[in-house]
Each structure stands twice: as structure tokens, then as C-alpha cells.
Amino acid sequence: MVQTKKVALYMLVVFVLYTIITDPRRSADLVHIGFEGVSSAAQGVGEFMSQLIQ
């Protein structure tokens, strides 16, 4: 089971590196979308906590 996780992790790293090298503009777009999602989620949690306190 541990070996399978290691192989999967290595494959994921290789895929990410391949994607970055072959199409850096698309990779940058995906990272931007990811950060927007995290930011929106954090803003939603903040709003929820503010409403919960009031």
C-alpha cells in the first residue's frame, strides 16, 4: 500500500512538472483559479462566522 502511494505521488509530480513545462500559461491560469477558489472559500467562512456572532 505504501509503495502504491509513493508511485502515485511520483506520477502526480511528473504530471505537474510536464504540464508546467509544456504549457506554462495554462498552468498559471489554473493556479490563479485555485487561489480564487481558496480566497472565495475563506471569505465565505468569514462571512458565516460574522453572521453567527451577530
PDB file of N, CA and C in Angstrom:
ATOM      1  N   MET A   1       0.826  -1.196   0.000  1.00  0.00           N
ATOM      2  CA  MET A   1       0.000   0.000   0.000  1.00  0.00           C
ATOM      3  C   MET A   1       0.869   1.258   0.000  1.00  0.00           C
ATOM      4  N   VAL A   2       1.930   1.249   0.774  1.00  0.00           N
ATOM      5  CA  VAL A   2       2.824   2.401   0.839  1.00  0.00           C
ATOM      6  C   VAL A   2       3.501   2.618  -0.507  1.00  0.00           C
ATOM      7  N   GLN A   3       3.901   1.521  -1.156  1.00  0.00           N
ATOM      8  CA  GLN A   3       4.541   1.627  -2.467  1.00  0.00           C
ATOM      9  C   GLN A   3       3.587   2.250  -3.483  1.00  0.00           C
ATOM     10  N   THR A   4       2.328   1.880  -3.409  1.00  0.00           N
ATOM     11  CA  THR A   4       1.334   2.421  -4.340  1.00  0.00           C
ATOM     12  C   THR A   4       1.190   3.922  -4.152  1.00  0.00           C
ATOM     13  N   LYS A   5       1.181   4.373  -2.910  1.00  0.00           N
ATOM     14  CA  LYS A   5       1.082   5.808  -2.637  1.00  0.00           C
ATOM     15  C   LYS A   5       2.299   6.550  -3.168  1.00  0.00           C
ATOM     16  N   LYS A   6       3.483   5.956  -2.992  1.00  0.00           N
ATOM     17  CA  LYS A   6       4.706   6.591  -3.495  1.00  0.00           C
ATOM     18  C   LYS A   6       4.672   6.707  -5.011  1.00  0.00           C
ATOM     19  N   VAL A   7       4.265   5.642  -5.672  1.00  0.00           N
ATOM     20  CA  VAL A   7       4.202   5.650  -7.135  1.00  0.00           C
ATOM     21  C   VAL A   7       3.195   6.688  -7.608  1.00  0.00           C
ATOM     22  N   ALA A   8       2.041   6.734  -6.962  1.00  0.00           N
ATOM     23  CA  ALA A   8       1.021   7.714  -7.344  1.00  0.00           C
ATOM     24  C   ALA A   8       1.530   9.137  -7.137  1.00  0.00           C
ATOM     25  N   LEU A   9       2.229   9.378  -6.029  1.00  0.00           N
ATOM     26  CA  LEU A   9       2.778  10.703  -5.760  1.00  0.00           C
ATOM     27  C   LEU A   9       3.811  11.083  -6.813  1.00  0.00           C
ATOM     28  N   TYR A  10       4.698  10.161  -7.154  1.00  0.00           N
ATOM     29  CA  TYR A  10       5.705  10.444  -8.179  1.00  0.00           C
ATOM     30  C   TYR A  10       5.047  10.728  -9.529  1.00  0.00           C
ATOM     31  N   MET A  11       4.013   9.966  -9.864  1.00  0.00           N
ATOM     32  CA  MET A  11       3.315  10.189 -11.125  1.00  0.00           C
ATOM     33  C   MET A  11       2.646  11.561 -11.136  1.00  0.00           C
ATOM     34  N   LEU A  12       2.082  11.960 -10.016  1.00  0.00           N
ATOM     35  CA  LEU A  12       1.451  13.274  -9.915  1.00  0.00           C
ATOM     36  C   LEU A  12       2.478  14.387 -10.081  1.00  0.00           C
ATOM     37  N   VAL A  13       3.621  14.235  -9.437  1.00  0.00           N
ATOM     38  CA  VAL A  13       4.690  15.247  -9.543  1.00  0.00           C
ATOM     39  C   VAL A  13       5.184  15.338 -10.980  1.00  0.00           C
ATOM     40  N   VAL A  14       5.393  14.206 -11.621  1.00  0.00           N
ATOM     41  CA  VAL A  14       5.855  14.207 -13.012  1.00  0.00           C
ATOM     42  C   VAL A  14       4.809  14.871 -13.912  1.00  0.00           C
ATOM     43  N   PHE A  15       3.543  14.569 -13.686  1.00  0.00           N
ATOM     44  CA  PHE A  15       2.481  15.170 -14.496  1.00  0.00           C
ATOM     45  C   PHE A  15       2.439  16.686 -14.314  1.00  0.00           C
ATOM     46  N   VAL A  16       2.543  17.148 -13.078  1.00  0.00           N
ATOM     47  CA  VAL A  16       2.527  18.588 -12.810  1.00  0.00           C
ATOM     48  C   VAL A  16       3.718  19.263 -13.479  1.00  0.00           C
ATOM     49  N   LEU A  17       4.892  18.690 -13.328  1.00  0.00           N
ATOM     50  CA  LEU A  17       6.083  19.271 -13.969  1.00  0.00           C
ATOM     51  C   LEU A  17       5.949  19.284 -15.486  1.00  0.00           C
ATOM     52  N   TYR A  18       5.437  18.216 -16.061  1.00  0.00           N
ATOM     53  CA  TYR A  18       5.228  18.138 -17.508  1.00  0.00           C
ATOM     54  C   TYR A  18       4.267  19.229 -17.967  1.00  0.00           C
ATOM     55  N   THR A  19       3.179  19.409 -17.219  1.00  0.00           N
ATOM     56  CA  THR A  19       2.193  20.428 -17.570  1.00  0.00           C
ATOM     57  C   THR A  19       2.796  21.823 -17.495  1.00  0.00           C
ATOM     58  N   ILE A  20       3.568  22.084 -16.459  1.00  0.00           N
ATOM     59  CA  ILE A  20       4.187  23.405 -16.304  1.00  0.00           C
ATOM     60  C   ILE A  20       5.175  23.673 -17.425  1.00  0.00           C
ATOM     61  N   ILE A  21       5.954  22.688 -17.776  1.00  0.00           N
ATOM     62  CA  ILE A  21       6.980  22.875 -18.806  1.00  0.00           C
ATOM     63  C   ILE A  21       6.357  23.025 -20.191  1.00  0.00           C
ATOM     64  N   THR A  22       5.338  22.223 -20.502  1.00  0.00           N
ATOM     65  CA  THR A  22       4.778  22.250 -21.855  1.00  0.00           C
ATOM     66  C   THR A  22       3.817  23.415 -22.079  1.00  0.00           C
ATOM     67  N   ASP A  23       3.114  23.861 -21.037  1.00  0.00           N
ATOM     68  CA  ASP A  23       2.144  24.949 -21.215  1.00  0.00           C
ATOM     69  C   ASP A  23       2.087  25.821 -19.966  1.00  0.00           C
ATOM     70  N   PRO A  24       3.092  26.676 -19.778  1.00  0.00           N
ATOM     71  CA  PRO A  24       3.140  27.482 -18.551  1.00  0.00           C
ATOM     72  C   PRO A  24       1.986  28.474 -18.415  1.00  0.00           C
ATOM     73  N   ARG A  25       1.470  28.981 -19.517  1.00  0.00           N
ATOM     74  CA  ARG A  25       0.362  29.938 -19.436  1.00  0.00           C
ATOM     75  C   ARG A  25      -0.890  29.265 -18.867  1.00  0.00           C
ATOM     76  N   ARG A  26      -1.192  28.077 -19.325  1.00  0.00           N
ATOM     77  CA  ARG A  26      -2.359  27.336 -18.815  1.00  0.00           C
ATOM     78  C   ARG A  26      -2.149  26.974 -17.348  1.00  0.00           C
ATOM     79  N   SER A  27      -0.930  26.615 -16.990  1.00  0.00           N
ATOM     80  CA  SER A  27      -0.630  26.288 -15.595  1.00  0.00           C
ATOM     81  C   SER A  27      -0.850  27.508 -14.700  1.00  0.00           C
ATOM     82  N   ALA A  28      -0.432  28.661 -15.169  1.00  0.00           N
ATOM     83  CA  ALA A  28      -0.633  29.890 -14.398  1.00  0.00           C
ATOM     84  C   ALA A  28      -2.117  30.185 -14.241  1.00  0.00           C
ATOM     85  N   ASP A  29      -2.888  29.951 -15.285  1.00  0.00           N
ATOM     86  CA  ASP A  29      -4.334  30.157 -15.204  1.00  0.00           C
ATOM     87  C   ASP A  29      -4.964  29.222 -14.173  1.00  0.00           C
ATOM     88  N   LEU A  30      -4.526  27.977 -14.167  1.00  0.00           N
ATOM     89  CA  LEU A  30      -5.076  27.009 -13.210  1.00  0.00           C
ATOM     90  C   LEU A  30      -4.724  27.389 -11.771  1.00  0.00           C
ATOM     91  N   VAL A  31      -3.505  27.852 -11.561  1.00  0.00           N
ATOM     92  CA  VAL A  31      -3.105  28.278 -10.215  1.00  0.00           C
ATOM     93  C   VAL A  31      -3.928  29.492  -9.791  1.00  0.00           C
ATOM     94  N   HIS A  32      -4.146  30.413 -10.720  1.00  0.00           N
ATOM     95  CA  HIS A  32      -4.952  31.600 -10.427  1.00  0.00           C
ATOM     96  C   HIS A  32      -6.378  31.197 -10.038  1.00  0.00           C
ATOM     97  N   ILE A  33      -6.956  30.275 -10.775  1.00  0.00           N
ATOM     98  CA  ILE A  33      -8.302  29.798 -10.468  1.00  0.00           C
ATOM     99  C   ILE A  33      -8.333  29.133  -9.092  1.00  0.00           C
ATOM    100  N   GLY A  34      -7.302  28.363  -8.788  1.00  0.00           N
ATOM    101  CA  GLY A  34      -7.227  27.714  -7.481  1.00  0.00           C
ATOM    102  C   GLY A  34      -7.165  28.715  -6.342  1.00  0.00           C
ATOM    103  N   PHE A  35      -6.340  29.754  -6.507  1.00  0.00           N
ATOM    104  CA  PHE A  35      -6.238  30.768  -5.458  1.00  0.00           C
ATOM    105  C   PHE A  35      -7.537  31.562  -5.325  1.00  0.00           C
ATOM    106  N   GLU A  36      -8.214  31.806  -6.432  1.00  0.00           N
ATOM    107  CA  GLU A  36      -9.520  32.479  -6.367  1.00  0.00           C
ATOM    108  C   GLU A  36     -10.510  31.631  -5.574  1.00  0.00           C
ATOM    109  N   GLY A  37     -10.489  30.337  -5.794  1.00  0.00           N
ATOM    110  CA  GLY A  37     -11.386  29.435  -5.070  1.00  0.00           C
ATOM    111  C   GLY A  37     -11.111  29.441  -3.581  1.00  0.00           C
ATOM    112  N   VAL A  38      -9.838  29.382  -3.211  1.00  0.00           N
ATOM    113  CA  VAL A  38      -9.465  29.404  -1.796  1.00  0.00           C
ATOM    114  C   VAL A  38      -9.861  30.739  -1.173  1.00  0.00           C
ATOM    115  N   SER A  39      -9.641  31.818  -1.905  1.00  0.00           N
ATOM    116  CA  SER A  39      -9.999  33.140  -1.403  1.00  0.00           C
ATOM    117  C   SER A  39     -11.510  33.261  -1.199  1.00  0.00           C
ATOM    118  N   SER A  40     -12.280  32.783  -2.137  1.00  0.00           N
ATOM    119  CA  SER A  40     -13.736  32.831  -2.015  1.00  0.00           C
ATOM    120  C   SER A  40     -14.210  31.994  -0.840  1.00  0.00           C
ATOM    121  N   ALA A  41     -13.609  30.831  -0.655  1.00  0.00           N
ATOM    122  CA  ALA A  41     -13.988  29.971   0.459  1.00  0.00           C
ATOM    123  C   ALA A  41     -13.676  30.642   1.790  1.00  0.00           C
ATOM    124  N   ALA A  42     -12.515  31.263   1.886  1.00  0.00           N
ATOM    125  CA  ALA A  42     -12.138  31.950   3.128  1.00  0.00           C
ATOM    126  C   ALA A  42     -13.073  33.125   3.394  1.00  0.00           C
ATOM    127  N   GLN A  43     -13.440  33.835   2.353  1.00  0.00           N
ATOM    128  CA  GLN A  43     -14.372  34.951   2.509  1.00  0.00           C
ATOM    129  C   GLN A  43     -15.734  34.441   2.965  1.00  0.00           C
ATOM    130  N   GLY A  44     -16.179  33.327   2.420  1.00  0.00           N
ATOM    131  CA  GLY A  44     -17.452  32.746   2.828  1.00  0.00           C
ATOM    132  C   GLY A  44     -17.441  32.303   4.282  1.00  0.00           C
ATOM    133  N   VAL A  45     -16.343  31.701   4.718  1.00  0.00           N
ATOM    134  CA  VAL A  45     -16.229  31.292   6.116  1.00  0.00           C
ATOM    135  C   VAL A  45     -16.228  32.514   7.024  1.00  0.00           C
ATOM    136  N   GLY A  46     -15.538  33.555   6.620  1.00  0.00           N
ATOM    137  CA  GLY A  46     -15.515  34.788   7.406  1.00  0.00           C
ATOM    138  C   GLY A  46     -16.895  35.400   7.540  1.00  0.00           C
ATOM    139  N   GLU A  47     -17.630  35.431   6.425  1.00  0.00           N
ATOM    140  CA  GLU A  47     -18.997  35.943   6.449  1.00  0.00           C
ATOM    141  C   GLU A  47     -19.883  35.106   7.369  1.00  0.00           C
ATOM    142  N   PHE A  48     -19.752  33.798   7.267  1.00  0.00           N
ATOM    143  CA  PHE A  48     -20.532  32.887   8.096  1.00  0.00           C
ATOM    144  C   PHE A  48     -20.246  33.133   9.575  1.00  0.00           C
ATOM    145  N   MET A  49     -18.986  33.249   9.937  1.00  0.00           N
ATOM    146  CA  MET A  49     -18.628  33.489  11.327  1.00  0.00           C
ATOM    147  C   MET A  49     -19.154  34.841  11.807  1.00  0.00           C
ATOM    148  N   SER A  50     -19.087  35.848  10.944  1.00  0.00           N
ATOM    149  CA  SER A  50     -19.614  37.167  11.317  1.00  0.00           C
ATOM    150  C   SER A  50     -21.115  37.110  11.580  1.00  0.00           C
ATOM    151  N   GLN A  51     -21.826  36.399  10.726  1.00  0.00           N
ATOM    152  CA  GLN A  51     -23.268  36.280  10.911  1.00  0.00           C
ATOM    153  C   GLN A  51     -23.617  35.439  12.132  1.00  0.00           C
ATOM    154  N   LEU A  52     -22.780  34.464  12.410  1.00  0.00           N
ATOM    155  CA  LEU A  52     -23.003  33.595  13.556  1.00  0.00           C
ATOM    156  C   LEU A  52     -22.842  34.375  14.856  1.00  0.00           C
ATOM    157  N   ILE A  53     -21.897  35.303  14.898  1.00  0.00           N
ATOM    158  CA  ILE A  53     -21.632  36.097  16.100  1.00  0.00           C
ATOM    159  C   ILE A  53     -22.758  37.098  16.349  1.00  0.00           C
ATOM    160  N   GLN A  54     -23.320  37.638  15.281  1.00  0.00           N
ATOM    161  CA  GLN A  54     -24.356  38.678  15.449  1.00  0.00           C
ATOM    162  C   GLN A  54     -25.648  38.118  15.931  1.00  0.00           C
TER     163      GLN A  54
END
